[in-house]
Amino acid sequence: MIELTRRRLMALGLTTALVSALGLPAFAQEEALPAVPELVLGSADAKVTITEYASYTCPHCATFHTAVFKPLKAEYIDTGKVRFIYREVYFDRYGLWGAMLARCGGDMRYFGISGILFEKQQEWAASDDPGVVIENLKAIGRSAGLSNEQLDACYADQKMAEAMVADFQKNMEADDVQGTPTLFINGTKHSNMAYADLKALIDAELAK
């Protein structure tokens, strides 16, 4: 698990500082920000709700995606037993940029692009050159069917970027999230775990 300490949050800077990492000018704080859509899979009537906090630059989150999320989706989410909510955490600008790309595809493409970002994390996020990382992300976007015009528009959407960071900070503080991945199963907080352990907790909730 990567810890999300207060010191680390301070190192990220305030919301405007993180957004300015996009290379865009700051705008007046009093301007209204757009709503940030919740990222949800599964049936609204599911007996179990799981919320995951994760970062696209967190290696443990990438491992969780492969070893835990994939079987969770097949066995519980796709079968209507679990409602899954994904909440993005931004440790750094690369993580924010990855999330902006995933959201660029809209609700229908989000989790598909999300999976690619985790699976290719060591490729697209490996460079120290921010320009290279942006181009790597855009290449992933094009492979997912997005046009250059769509990608440019998403990365130029400064208000949405700031809204995403503000939403992340609000949720993280409200749920007292200290690291990633963090899971909430029907409201109870858990740290990273193997699929067998998660399965046991889900089955116990389903049996109630």
N, C-alpha and C. Protein backbone atom coordinates (compact mmCIF):
# COMPACT_ATOMS: atom_id res chain seq x y z
N MET A 1 0.84 -1.20 0.00
CA MET A 1 0.00 0.00 0.00
C MET A 1 0.88 1.25 0.00
N ILE A 2 0.53 2.21 -0.83
CA ILE A 2 1.20 3.51 -0.82
C ILE A 2 0.46 4.41 0.16
N GLU A 3 1.19 4.99 1.10
CA GLU A 3 0.56 5.82 2.12
C GLU A 3 0.29 7.22 1.58
N LEU A 4 -0.87 7.72 1.92
CA LEU A 4 -1.28 9.07 1.53
C LEU A 4 -1.25 9.93 2.78
N THR A 5 -0.06 10.28 3.22
CA THR A 5 0.10 11.04 4.44
C THR A 5 -0.21 12.51 4.22
N ARG A 6 -0.47 13.22 5.31
CA ARG A 6 -0.74 14.66 5.20
C ARG A 6 0.47 15.37 4.61
N ARG A 7 1.67 14.91 4.98
CA ARG A 7 2.88 15.53 4.44
C ARG A 7 2.94 15.34 2.94
N ARG A 8 2.51 14.15 2.48
CA ARG A 8 2.54 13.91 1.04
C ARG A 8 1.53 14.79 0.32
N LEU A 9 0.37 14.95 0.94
CA LEU A 9 -0.64 15.83 0.34
C LEU A 9 -0.12 17.26 0.26
N MET A 10 0.58 17.69 1.30
CA MET A 10 1.13 19.04 1.28
C MET A 10 2.17 19.18 0.19
N ALA A 11 2.90 18.07 -0.06
CA ALA A 11 3.91 18.11 -1.11
C ALA A 11 3.27 18.27 -2.48
N LEU A 12 2.04 17.78 -2.61
CA LEU A 12 1.33 17.94 -3.88
C LEU A 12 0.95 19.40 -4.10
N GLY A 13 0.81 20.13 -3.02
CA GLY A 13 0.37 21.51 -3.13
C GLY A 13 -1.14 21.59 -3.07
N LEU A 14 -1.65 22.81 -3.10
CA LEU A 14 -3.08 23.01 -3.10
C LEU A 14 -3.66 22.63 -4.45
N THR A 15 -4.97 22.62 -4.52
CA THR A 15 -5.66 22.22 -5.73
C THR A 15 -5.15 22.96 -6.96
N THR A 16 -5.04 24.26 -6.87
CA THR A 16 -4.62 25.02 -8.04
C THR A 16 -3.19 24.69 -8.44
N ALA A 17 -2.35 24.37 -7.47
CA ALA A 17 -0.96 24.03 -7.79
C ALA A 17 -0.89 22.73 -8.56
N LEU A 18 -1.71 21.74 -8.17
CA LEU A 18 -1.71 20.48 -8.88
C LEU A 18 -2.25 20.64 -10.29
N VAL A 19 -3.31 21.42 -10.42
CA VAL A 19 -3.86 21.65 -11.75
C VAL A 19 -2.88 22.44 -12.61
N SER A 20 -2.13 23.36 -12.01
CA SER A 20 -1.18 24.15 -12.79
C SER A 20 -0.09 23.28 -13.37
N ALA A 21 0.09 22.07 -12.81
CA ALA A 21 1.07 21.14 -13.36
C ALA A 21 0.70 20.71 -14.78
N LEU A 22 -0.56 20.97 -15.14
CA LEU A 22 -0.98 20.68 -16.50
C LEU A 22 -0.43 21.70 -17.49
N GLY A 23 0.15 22.77 -16.95
CA GLY A 23 0.66 23.82 -17.83
C GLY A 23 -0.41 24.80 -18.23
N LEU A 24 -1.50 24.87 -17.44
CA LEU A 24 -2.60 25.77 -17.76
C LEU A 24 -2.64 26.90 -16.74
N PRO A 25 -3.09 28.07 -17.12
CA PRO A 25 -3.17 29.19 -16.18
C PRO A 25 -4.25 28.95 -15.14
N ALA A 26 -4.05 29.50 -13.95
CA ALA A 26 -5.05 29.36 -12.89
C ALA A 26 -6.27 30.22 -13.21
N PHE A 27 -7.42 29.82 -12.68
CA PHE A 27 -8.60 30.63 -12.87
C PHE A 27 -9.18 30.97 -11.49
N ALA A 28 -10.08 31.91 -11.47
CA ALA A 28 -10.60 32.40 -10.21
C ALA A 28 -11.29 31.28 -9.44
N GLN A 29 -10.97 31.18 -8.16
CA GLN A 29 -11.51 30.10 -7.34
C GLN A 29 -13.03 30.19 -7.20
N GLU A 30 -13.61 31.41 -7.33
CA GLU A 30 -15.04 31.53 -7.13
C GLU A 30 -15.84 31.00 -8.31
N GLU A 31 -15.20 30.72 -9.43
CA GLU A 31 -15.92 30.17 -10.57
C GLU A 31 -16.45 28.78 -10.22
N ALA A 32 -17.67 28.51 -10.67
CA ALA A 32 -18.29 27.23 -10.38
C ALA A 32 -17.54 26.11 -11.10
N LEU A 33 -17.35 25.00 -10.40
CA LEU A 33 -16.69 23.84 -10.99
C LEU A 33 -17.74 22.85 -11.47
N PRO A 34 -17.45 22.09 -12.51
CA PRO A 34 -18.41 21.09 -12.98
C PRO A 34 -18.53 19.94 -12.01
N ALA A 35 -19.63 19.21 -12.10
CA ALA A 35 -19.82 18.02 -11.28
C ALA A 35 -18.88 16.92 -11.78
N VAL A 36 -18.35 16.15 -10.87
CA VAL A 36 -17.47 15.04 -11.22
C VAL A 36 -18.27 13.75 -11.10
N PRO A 37 -18.54 13.06 -12.21
CA PRO A 37 -19.37 11.85 -12.16
C PRO A 37 -18.75 10.76 -11.29
N GLU A 38 -19.59 10.08 -10.52
CA GLU A 38 -19.13 8.91 -9.76
C GLU A 38 -18.90 7.76 -10.73
N LEU A 39 -17.89 6.97 -10.46
CA LEU A 39 -17.51 5.87 -11.34
C LEU A 39 -18.02 4.56 -10.75
N VAL A 40 -19.05 3.99 -11.37
CA VAL A 40 -19.76 2.87 -10.76
C VAL A 40 -19.96 1.74 -11.75
N LEU A 41 -19.80 0.52 -11.23
CA LEU A 41 -20.12 -0.70 -11.97
C LEU A 41 -21.07 -1.55 -11.13
N GLY A 42 -21.92 -2.32 -11.79
CA GLY A 42 -22.76 -3.27 -11.07
C GLY A 42 -24.16 -2.75 -10.80
N SER A 43 -24.94 -3.61 -10.19
CA SER A 43 -26.35 -3.33 -9.94
C SER A 43 -26.53 -2.38 -8.76
N ALA A 44 -27.43 -1.42 -8.94
CA ALA A 44 -27.76 -0.50 -7.85
C ALA A 44 -28.44 -1.23 -6.69
N ASP A 45 -29.00 -2.40 -6.97
CA ASP A 45 -29.70 -3.18 -5.94
C ASP A 45 -28.82 -4.23 -5.27
N ALA A 46 -27.54 -4.23 -5.59
CA ALA A 46 -26.64 -5.23 -5.01
C ALA A 46 -26.61 -5.14 -3.49
N LYS A 47 -26.48 -6.28 -2.84
CA LYS A 47 -26.48 -6.32 -1.38
C LYS A 47 -25.17 -5.79 -0.80
N VAL A 48 -24.10 -5.87 -1.61
CA VAL A 48 -22.77 -5.43 -1.15
C VAL A 48 -22.28 -4.30 -2.03
N THR A 49 -21.80 -3.25 -1.39
CA THR A 49 -21.17 -2.15 -2.11
C THR A 49 -19.70 -2.08 -1.70
N ILE A 50 -18.82 -2.08 -2.70
CA ILE A 50 -17.39 -1.96 -2.46
C ILE A 50 -16.91 -0.66 -3.10
N THR A 51 -16.22 0.15 -2.31
CA THR A 51 -15.60 1.36 -2.82
C THR A 51 -14.09 1.19 -2.76
N GLU A 52 -13.42 1.40 -3.89
CA GLU A 52 -11.96 1.31 -3.92
C GLU A 52 -11.37 2.69 -4.16
N TYR A 53 -10.40 3.07 -3.35
CA TYR A 53 -9.58 4.24 -3.58
C TYR A 53 -8.26 3.77 -4.18
N ALA A 54 -7.90 4.29 -5.35
CA ALA A 54 -6.68 3.83 -6.02
C ALA A 54 -6.08 4.93 -6.87
N SER A 55 -4.79 4.80 -7.12
CA SER A 55 -4.06 5.75 -7.97
C SER A 55 -3.50 5.02 -9.19
N TYR A 56 -3.52 5.70 -10.32
CA TYR A 56 -2.98 5.09 -11.54
C TYR A 56 -1.46 4.99 -11.53
N THR A 57 -0.81 5.63 -10.58
CA THR A 57 0.65 5.52 -10.48
C THR A 57 1.08 4.65 -9.29
N CYS A 58 0.15 3.98 -8.66
CA CYS A 58 0.43 3.12 -7.51
C CYS A 58 0.65 1.68 -7.98
N PRO A 59 1.87 1.12 -7.81
CA PRO A 59 2.15 -0.25 -8.25
C PRO A 59 1.25 -1.28 -7.57
N HIS A 60 0.94 -1.07 -6.29
CA HIS A 60 0.07 -2.00 -5.57
C HIS A 60 -1.34 -2.00 -6.17
N CYS A 61 -1.77 -0.84 -6.66
CA CYS A 61 -3.08 -0.74 -7.29
C CYS A 61 -3.10 -1.49 -8.62
N ALA A 62 -2.00 -1.43 -9.35
CA ALA A 62 -1.90 -2.17 -10.61
C ALA A 62 -1.97 -3.67 -10.35
N THR A 63 -1.29 -4.12 -9.31
CA THR A 63 -1.34 -5.54 -8.94
C THR A 63 -2.75 -5.92 -8.50
N PHE A 64 -3.40 -5.05 -7.73
CA PHE A 64 -4.76 -5.30 -7.28
C PHE A 64 -5.69 -5.44 -8.48
N HIS A 65 -5.50 -4.59 -9.48
CA HIS A 65 -6.36 -4.65 -10.67
C HIS A 65 -6.28 -6.02 -11.33
N THR A 66 -5.07 -6.55 -11.46
CA THR A 66 -4.88 -7.83 -12.14
C THR A 66 -5.32 -9.01 -11.28
N ALA A 67 -4.89 -9.02 -10.02
CA ALA A 67 -5.07 -10.20 -9.18
C ALA A 67 -6.41 -10.23 -8.44
N VAL A 68 -7.01 -9.06 -8.23
CA VAL A 68 -8.22 -9.01 -7.41
C VAL A 68 -9.43 -8.46 -8.18
N PHE A 69 -9.25 -7.31 -8.82
CA PHE A 69 -10.41 -6.69 -9.47
C PHE A 69 -10.98 -7.56 -10.59
N LYS A 70 -10.13 -8.16 -11.40
CA LYS A 70 -10.64 -8.95 -12.53
C LYS A 70 -11.53 -10.10 -12.08
N PRO A 71 -11.08 -10.94 -11.12
CA PRO A 71 -11.99 -11.99 -10.65
C PRO A 71 -13.19 -11.43 -9.88
N LEU A 72 -13.01 -10.32 -9.16
CA LEU A 72 -14.12 -9.69 -8.46
C LEU A 72 -15.20 -9.28 -9.45
N LYS A 73 -14.79 -8.68 -10.55
CA LYS A 73 -15.75 -8.25 -11.56
C LYS A 73 -16.50 -9.43 -12.16
N ALA A 74 -15.77 -10.48 -12.50
CA ALA A 74 -16.40 -11.63 -13.14
C ALA A 74 -17.35 -12.37 -12.19
N GLU A 75 -16.95 -12.52 -10.94
CA GLU A 75 -17.72 -13.36 -10.01
C GLU A 75 -18.82 -12.60 -9.27
N TYR A 76 -18.60 -11.33 -9.01
CA TYR A 76 -19.54 -10.62 -8.16
C TYR A 76 -20.19 -9.39 -8.80
N ILE A 77 -19.39 -8.59 -9.53
CA ILE A 77 -19.96 -7.36 -10.10
C ILE A 77 -20.86 -7.67 -11.29
N ASP A 78 -20.35 -8.47 -12.21
CA ASP A 78 -21.12 -8.79 -13.43
C ASP A 78 -22.34 -9.65 -13.14
N THR A 79 -22.35 -10.30 -11.99
CA THR A 79 -23.48 -11.17 -11.63
C THR A 79 -24.50 -10.45 -10.75
N GLY A 80 -24.28 -9.16 -10.50
CA GLY A 80 -25.25 -8.38 -9.77
C GLY A 80 -25.17 -8.47 -8.25
N LYS A 81 -24.12 -9.12 -7.74
CA LYS A 81 -24.01 -9.30 -6.28
C LYS A 81 -23.30 -8.12 -5.61
N VAL A 82 -22.46 -7.42 -6.37
CA VAL A 82 -21.67 -6.32 -5.81
C VAL A 82 -21.81 -5.08 -6.67
N ARG A 83 -22.02 -3.97 -6.00
CA ARG A 83 -21.95 -2.65 -6.66
C ARG A 83 -20.57 -2.09 -6.35
N PHE A 84 -19.83 -1.70 -7.39
CA PHE A 84 -18.45 -1.27 -7.23
C PHE A 84 -18.30 0.20 -7.56
N ILE A 85 -17.71 0.95 -6.64
CA ILE A 85 -17.46 2.37 -6.84
C ILE A 85 -15.95 2.59 -6.85
N TYR A 86 -15.45 3.24 -7.88
CA TYR A 86 -14.01 3.51 -7.98
C TYR A 86 -13.76 4.99 -7.75
N ARG A 87 -12.86 5.29 -6.82
CA ARG A 87 -12.51 6.68 -6.53
C ARG A 87 -11.02 6.89 -6.76
N GLU A 88 -10.73 7.85 -7.61
CA GLU A 88 -9.35 8.13 -8.01
C GLU A 88 -8.60 8.89 -6.92
N VAL A 89 -7.34 8.53 -6.73
CA VAL A 89 -6.44 9.24 -5.83
C VAL A 89 -5.30 9.80 -6.67
N TYR A 90 -4.92 11.04 -6.41
CA TYR A 90 -3.87 11.68 -7.20
C TYR A 90 -2.65 11.94 -6.31
N PHE A 91 -1.68 11.06 -6.38
CA PHE A 91 -0.42 11.26 -5.66
C PHE A 91 0.44 12.31 -6.35
N ASP A 92 0.26 12.45 -7.66
CA ASP A 92 1.12 13.28 -8.48
C ASP A 92 0.39 13.66 -9.75
N ARG A 93 1.01 14.49 -10.57
CA ARG A 93 0.34 14.94 -11.80
C ARG A 93 0.15 13.80 -12.79
N TYR A 94 1.05 12.81 -12.79
CA TYR A 94 0.88 11.69 -13.72
C TYR A 94 -0.43 10.94 -13.40
N GLY A 95 -0.69 10.76 -12.12
CA GLY A 95 -1.93 10.08 -11.74
C GLY A 95 -3.16 10.88 -12.14
N LEU A 96 -3.09 12.19 -12.00
CA LEU A 96 -4.19 13.05 -12.44
C LEU A 96 -4.37 12.96 -13.94
N TRP A 97 -3.27 13.02 -14.66
CA TRP A 97 -3.35 12.94 -16.13
C TRP A 97 -3.94 11.61 -16.58
N GLY A 98 -3.57 10.52 -15.92
CA GLY A 98 -4.14 9.22 -16.27
C GLY A 98 -5.63 9.20 -16.05
N ALA A 99 -6.07 9.77 -14.93
CA ALA A 99 -7.50 9.82 -14.64
C ALA A 99 -8.24 10.68 -15.66
N MET A 100 -7.63 11.78 -16.08
CA MET A 100 -8.26 12.63 -17.09
C MET A 100 -8.43 11.88 -18.40
N LEU A 101 -7.45 11.06 -18.74
CA LEU A 101 -7.57 10.26 -19.95
C LEU A 101 -8.71 9.26 -19.83
N ALA A 102 -8.76 8.55 -18.70
CA ALA A 102 -9.81 7.55 -18.53
C ALA A 102 -11.20 8.18 -18.62
N ARG A 103 -11.35 9.36 -18.01
CA ARG A 103 -12.64 10.04 -18.05
C ARG A 103 -12.95 10.62 -19.43
N CYS A 104 -11.93 10.83 -20.23
CA CYS A 104 -12.12 11.40 -21.56
C CYS A 104 -12.99 10.49 -22.44
N GLY A 105 -12.95 9.21 -22.17
CA GLY A 105 -13.73 8.27 -22.97
C GLY A 105 -15.19 8.18 -22.58
N GLY A 106 -15.59 8.88 -21.52
CA GLY A 106 -16.97 8.81 -21.06
C GLY A 106 -17.22 7.55 -20.24
N ASP A 107 -18.45 7.44 -19.73
CA ASP A 107 -18.80 6.32 -18.85
C ASP A 107 -18.61 4.96 -19.51
N MET A 108 -18.91 4.87 -20.79
CA MET A 108 -18.87 3.57 -21.46
C MET A 108 -17.44 3.06 -21.63
N ARG A 109 -16.48 3.96 -21.73
CA ARG A 109 -15.10 3.54 -21.98
C ARG A 109 -14.22 3.62 -20.74
N TYR A 110 -14.74 4.22 -19.66
CA TYR A 110 -13.87 4.52 -18.52
C TYR A 110 -13.13 3.28 -18.01
N PHE A 111 -13.84 2.24 -17.67
CA PHE A 111 -13.19 1.10 -17.03
C PHE A 111 -12.32 0.31 -18.00
N GLY A 112 -12.61 0.39 -19.29
CA GLY A 112 -11.73 -0.23 -20.27
C GLY A 112 -10.39 0.49 -20.33
N ILE A 113 -10.43 1.82 -20.39
CA ILE A 113 -9.20 2.60 -20.40
C ILE A 113 -8.47 2.46 -19.07
N SER A 114 -9.24 2.44 -17.99
CA SER A 114 -8.65 2.26 -16.66
C SER A 114 -7.81 0.98 -16.59
N GLY A 115 -8.35 -0.10 -17.14
CA GLY A 115 -7.62 -1.36 -17.15
C GLY A 115 -6.32 -1.28 -17.91
N ILE A 116 -6.35 -0.58 -19.04
CA ILE A 116 -5.13 -0.41 -19.83
C ILE A 116 -4.10 0.39 -19.06
N LEU A 117 -4.53 1.43 -18.38
CA LEU A 117 -3.61 2.26 -17.60
C LEU A 117 -2.90 1.46 -16.52
N PHE A 118 -3.63 0.57 -15.85
CA PHE A 118 -3.00 -0.26 -14.83
C PHE A 118 -2.08 -1.30 -15.45
N GLU A 119 -2.54 -1.93 -16.54
CA GLU A 119 -1.75 -2.98 -17.16
C GLU A 119 -0.46 -2.46 -17.78
N LYS A 120 -0.49 -1.22 -18.27
CA LYS A 120 0.68 -0.63 -18.92
C LYS A 120 1.33 0.46 -18.07
N GLN A 121 1.07 0.42 -16.78
CA GLN A 121 1.57 1.47 -15.89
C GLN A 121 3.07 1.68 -16.00
N GLN A 122 3.84 0.60 -16.04
CA GLN A 122 5.29 0.71 -16.08
C GLN A 122 5.80 1.25 -17.41
N GLU A 123 4.95 1.27 -18.42
CA GLU A 123 5.34 1.80 -19.72
C GLU A 123 5.02 3.30 -19.81
N TRP A 124 3.76 3.67 -19.61
CA TRP A 124 3.38 5.07 -19.86
C TRP A 124 3.89 6.02 -18.78
N ALA A 125 4.07 5.53 -17.54
CA ALA A 125 4.45 6.42 -16.44
C ALA A 125 5.94 6.39 -16.12
N ALA A 126 6.73 5.72 -16.95
CA ALA A 126 8.14 5.47 -16.60
C ALA A 126 9.06 6.67 -16.82
N SER A 127 8.66 7.61 -17.67
CA SER A 127 9.55 8.71 -18.03
C SER A 127 9.54 9.84 -17.01
N ASP A 128 10.68 10.49 -16.84
CA ASP A 128 10.76 11.69 -16.02
C ASP A 128 10.35 12.94 -16.79
N ASP A 129 10.13 12.78 -18.08
CA ASP A 129 9.75 13.89 -18.94
C ASP A 129 8.22 13.95 -19.03
N PRO A 130 7.60 14.98 -18.47
CA PRO A 130 6.14 15.08 -18.50
C PRO A 130 5.56 15.05 -19.92
N GLY A 131 6.29 15.65 -20.86
CA GLY A 131 5.82 15.64 -22.24
C GLY A 131 5.72 14.25 -22.81
N VAL A 132 6.69 13.41 -22.47
CA VAL A 132 6.67 12.02 -22.93
C VAL A 132 5.49 11.28 -22.31
N VAL A 133 5.23 11.52 -21.04
CA VAL A 133 4.11 10.85 -20.37
C VAL A 133 2.78 11.24 -21.01
N ILE A 134 2.61 12.52 -21.30
CA ILE A 134 1.37 12.96 -21.96
C ILE A 134 1.21 12.27 -23.31
N GLU A 135 2.29 12.20 -24.07
CA GLU A 135 2.21 11.53 -25.38
C GLU A 135 1.91 10.05 -25.22
N ASN A 136 2.48 9.42 -24.19
CA ASN A 136 2.19 8.01 -23.92
C ASN A 136 0.71 7.82 -23.61
N LEU A 137 0.16 8.73 -22.81
CA LEU A 137 -1.25 8.64 -22.46
C LEU A 137 -2.14 8.87 -23.68
N LYS A 138 -1.77 9.83 -24.50
CA LYS A 138 -2.56 10.09 -25.70
C LYS A 138 -2.54 8.89 -26.65
N ALA A 139 -1.41 8.19 -26.70
CA ALA A 139 -1.32 7.00 -27.54
C ALA A 139 -2.29 5.93 -27.04
N ILE A 140 -2.41 5.80 -25.71
CA ILE A 140 -3.38 4.86 -25.14
C ILE A 140 -4.79 5.30 -25.51
N GLY A 141 -5.04 6.60 -25.42
CA GLY A 141 -6.35 7.12 -25.78
C GLY A 141 -6.71 6.84 -27.23
N ARG A 142 -5.74 7.03 -28.12
CA ARG A 142 -6.01 6.75 -29.54
C ARG A 142 -6.28 5.27 -29.76
N SER A 143 -5.57 4.41 -29.03
CA SER A 143 -5.80 2.97 -29.17
C SER A 143 -7.19 2.57 -28.68
N ALA A 144 -7.76 3.42 -27.81
CA ALA A 144 -9.10 3.16 -27.29
C ALA A 144 -10.19 3.82 -28.15
N GLY A 145 -9.77 4.46 -29.24
CA GLY A 145 -10.73 5.02 -30.17
C GLY A 145 -10.98 6.51 -30.03
N LEU A 146 -10.20 7.20 -29.21
CA LEU A 146 -10.36 8.64 -29.07
C LEU A 146 -9.55 9.37 -30.13
N SER A 147 -10.09 10.48 -30.61
CA SER A 147 -9.38 11.27 -31.62
C SER A 147 -8.42 12.24 -30.95
N ASN A 148 -7.48 12.77 -31.73
CA ASN A 148 -6.56 13.77 -31.19
C ASN A 148 -7.33 15.00 -30.69
N GLU A 149 -8.40 15.36 -31.39
CA GLU A 149 -9.19 16.52 -30.99
C GLU A 149 -9.87 16.27 -29.64
N GLN A 150 -10.39 15.06 -29.45
CA GLN A 150 -11.01 14.72 -28.17
C GLN A 150 -9.99 14.75 -27.04
N LEU A 151 -8.82 14.21 -27.29
CA LEU A 151 -7.78 14.17 -26.27
C LEU A 151 -7.30 15.57 -25.91
N ASP A 152 -7.10 16.40 -26.92
CA ASP A 152 -6.66 17.77 -26.66
C ASP A 152 -7.70 18.52 -25.84
N ALA A 153 -8.98 18.30 -26.17
CA ALA A 153 -10.05 18.98 -25.44
C ALA A 153 -10.10 18.54 -23.98
N CYS A 154 -9.90 17.25 -23.74
CA CYS A 154 -9.94 16.74 -22.37
C CYS A 154 -8.80 17.31 -21.54
N TYR A 155 -7.61 17.36 -22.12
CA TYR A 155 -6.46 17.87 -21.37
C TYR A 155 -6.48 19.40 -21.25
N ALA A 156 -7.30 20.06 -22.03
CA ALA A 156 -7.44 21.51 -21.91
C ALA A 156 -8.57 21.91 -20.97
N ASP A 157 -9.30 20.91 -20.47
CA ASP A 157 -10.45 21.20 -19.61
C ASP A 157 -9.98 21.45 -18.18
N GLN A 158 -9.53 22.66 -17.95
CA GLN A 158 -8.94 23.05 -16.67
C GLN A 158 -9.95 22.97 -15.52
N LYS A 159 -11.17 23.38 -15.77
CA LYS A 159 -12.17 23.35 -14.71
C LYS A 159 -12.45 21.93 -14.25
N MET A 160 -12.53 20.99 -15.18
CA MET A 160 -12.76 19.60 -14.78
C MET A 160 -11.57 19.05 -14.00
N ALA A 161 -10.35 19.43 -14.41
CA ALA A 161 -9.17 18.98 -13.67
C ALA A 161 -9.21 19.45 -12.23
N GLU A 162 -9.55 20.71 -12.04
CA GLU A 162 -9.61 21.23 -10.67
C GLU A 162 -10.76 20.60 -9.90
N ALA A 163 -11.89 20.38 -10.57
CA ALA A 163 -13.03 19.73 -9.91
C ALA A 163 -12.66 18.32 -9.46
N MET A 164 -11.91 17.60 -10.28
CA MET A 164 -11.49 16.24 -9.94
C MET A 164 -10.60 16.24 -8.70
N VAL A 165 -9.66 17.19 -8.64
CA VAL A 165 -8.76 17.26 -7.49
C VAL A 165 -9.54 17.64 -6.23
N ALA A 166 -10.44 18.60 -6.35
CA ALA A 166 -11.25 19.01 -5.20
C ALA A 166 -12.11 17.86 -4.71
N ASP A 167 -12.69 17.09 -5.63
CA ASP A 167 -13.53 15.96 -5.28
C ASP A 167 -12.70 14.88 -4.58
N PHE A 168 -11.51 14.61 -5.09
CA PHE A 168 -10.60 13.65 -4.47
C PHE A 168 -10.27 14.06 -3.05
N GLN A 169 -9.91 15.32 -2.85
CA GLN A 169 -9.55 15.78 -1.51
C GLN A 169 -10.72 15.67 -0.54
N LYS A 170 -11.91 16.01 -1.00
CA LYS A 170 -13.11 15.94 -0.16
C LYS A 170 -13.38 14.50 0.27
N ASN A 171 -13.37 13.58 -0.70
CA ASN A 171 -13.66 12.18 -0.40
C ASN A 171 -12.59 11.55 0.49
N MET A 172 -11.33 11.85 0.19
CA MET A 172 -10.23 11.29 0.95
C MET A 172 -10.30 11.70 2.41
N GLU A 173 -10.59 12.98 2.66
CA GLU A 173 -10.68 13.47 4.03
C GLU A 173 -11.91 12.91 4.73
N ALA A 174 -13.03 12.84 4.02
CA ALA A 174 -14.27 12.34 4.63
C ALA A 174 -14.14 10.88 5.05
N ASP A 175 -13.43 10.08 4.25
CA ASP A 175 -13.28 8.65 4.52
C ASP A 175 -11.98 8.31 5.24
N ASP A 176 -11.18 9.33 5.56
CA ASP A 176 -9.91 9.14 6.26
C ASP A 176 -9.04 8.09 5.55
N VAL A 177 -8.86 8.27 4.26
CA VAL A 177 -8.05 7.36 3.47
C VAL A 177 -6.58 7.73 3.63
N GLN A 178 -5.76 6.76 4.03
CA GLN A 178 -4.35 7.00 4.31
C GLN A 178 -3.41 6.37 3.28
N GLY A 179 -3.94 5.57 2.37
CA GLY A 179 -3.07 4.93 1.38
C GLY A 179 -3.90 4.23 0.32
N THR A 180 -3.21 3.69 -0.66
CA THR A 180 -3.89 2.99 -1.75
C THR A 180 -3.24 1.63 -1.99
N PRO A 181 -4.05 0.64 -2.41
CA PRO A 181 -5.51 0.71 -2.47
C PRO A 181 -6.14 0.60 -1.09
N THR A 182 -7.23 1.33 -0.90
CA THR A 182 -8.06 1.21 0.29
C THR A 182 -9.45 0.79 -0.16
N LEU A 183 -10.05 -0.15 0.56
CA LEU A 183 -11.36 -0.66 0.21
C LEU A 183 -12.35 -0.39 1.33
N PHE A 184 -13.58 -0.11 0.95
CA PHE A 184 -14.70 -0.04 1.89
C PHE A 184 -15.72 -1.08 1.45
N ILE A 185 -16.03 -2.00 2.35
CA ILE A 185 -17.01 -3.04 2.05
C ILE A 185 -18.22 -2.79 2.93
N ASN A 186 -19.31 -2.36 2.30
CA ASN A 186 -20.51 -1.94 3.03
C ASN A 186 -20.15 -0.97 4.16
N GLY A 187 -19.24 -0.04 3.84
CA GLY A 187 -18.90 1.02 4.77
C GLY A 187 -17.75 0.74 5.71
N THR A 188 -17.27 -0.51 5.78
CA THR A 188 -16.16 -0.85 6.66
C THR A 188 -14.85 -0.78 5.90
N LYS A 189 -13.87 -0.07 6.46
CA LYS A 189 -12.61 0.16 5.75
C LYS A 189 -11.66 -1.02 5.90
N HIS A 190 -10.98 -1.35 4.79
CA HIS A 190 -9.99 -2.42 4.76
C HIS A 190 -8.80 -1.96 3.92
N SER A 191 -7.64 -2.50 4.23
CA SER A 191 -6.45 -2.24 3.42
C SER A 191 -6.38 -3.26 2.29
N ASN A 192 -5.31 -3.21 1.53
CA ASN A 192 -5.09 -4.12 0.41
C ASN A 192 -5.16 -5.57 0.89
N MET A 193 -5.68 -6.46 0.07
CA MET A 193 -5.80 -7.87 0.45
C MET A 193 -5.83 -8.75 -0.78
N ALA A 194 -5.61 -10.04 -0.55
CA ALA A 194 -5.69 -11.03 -1.62
C ALA A 194 -7.15 -11.29 -1.97
N TYR A 195 -7.39 -11.83 -3.16
CA TYR A 195 -8.76 -12.06 -3.59
C TYR A 195 -9.48 -13.04 -2.68
N ALA A 196 -8.79 -14.06 -2.20
CA ALA A 196 -9.45 -15.04 -1.33
C ALA A 196 -9.97 -14.38 -0.06
N ASP A 197 -9.22 -13.42 0.48
CA ASP A 197 -9.66 -12.72 1.68
C ASP A 197 -10.84 -11.80 1.39
N LEU A 198 -10.79 -11.11 0.24
CA LEU A 198 -11.89 -10.25 -0.15
C LEU A 198 -13.15 -11.09 -0.39
N LYS A 199 -13.00 -12.21 -1.04
CA LYS A 199 -14.12 -13.10 -1.34
C LYS A 199 -14.80 -13.55 -0.05
N ALA A 200 -14.01 -13.87 0.97
CA ALA A 200 -14.57 -14.30 2.25
C ALA A 200 -15.40 -13.19 2.89
N LEU A 201 -14.89 -11.97 2.82
CA LEU A 201 -15.64 -10.84 3.39
C LEU A 201 -16.93 -10.57 2.63
N ILE A 202 -16.87 -10.67 1.31
CA ILE A 202 -18.08 -10.46 0.49
C ILE A 202 -19.11 -11.53 0.80
N ASP A 203 -18.68 -12.78 0.84
CA ASP A 203 -19.61 -13.87 1.09
C ASP A 203 -20.26 -13.76 2.46
N ALA A 204 -19.50 -13.25 3.43
CA ALA A 204 -20.06 -13.05 4.77
C ALA A 204 -21.14 -11.97 4.72
N GLU A 205 -20.92 -10.93 3.96
CA GLU A 205 -21.94 -9.87 3.82
C GLU A 205 -23.17 -10.39 3.08
N LEU A 206 -22.96 -11.19 2.06
CA LEU A 206 -24.08 -11.73 1.29
C LEU A 206 -24.93 -12.70 2.13
N ALA A 207 -24.30 -13.33 3.10
CA ALA A 207 -24.99 -14.32 3.92
C ALA A 207 -25.83 -13.69 5.04
N LYS A 208 -25.65 -12.40 5.26
CA LYS A 208 -26.38 -11.74 6.35
C LYS A 208 -27.87 -11.62 6.02
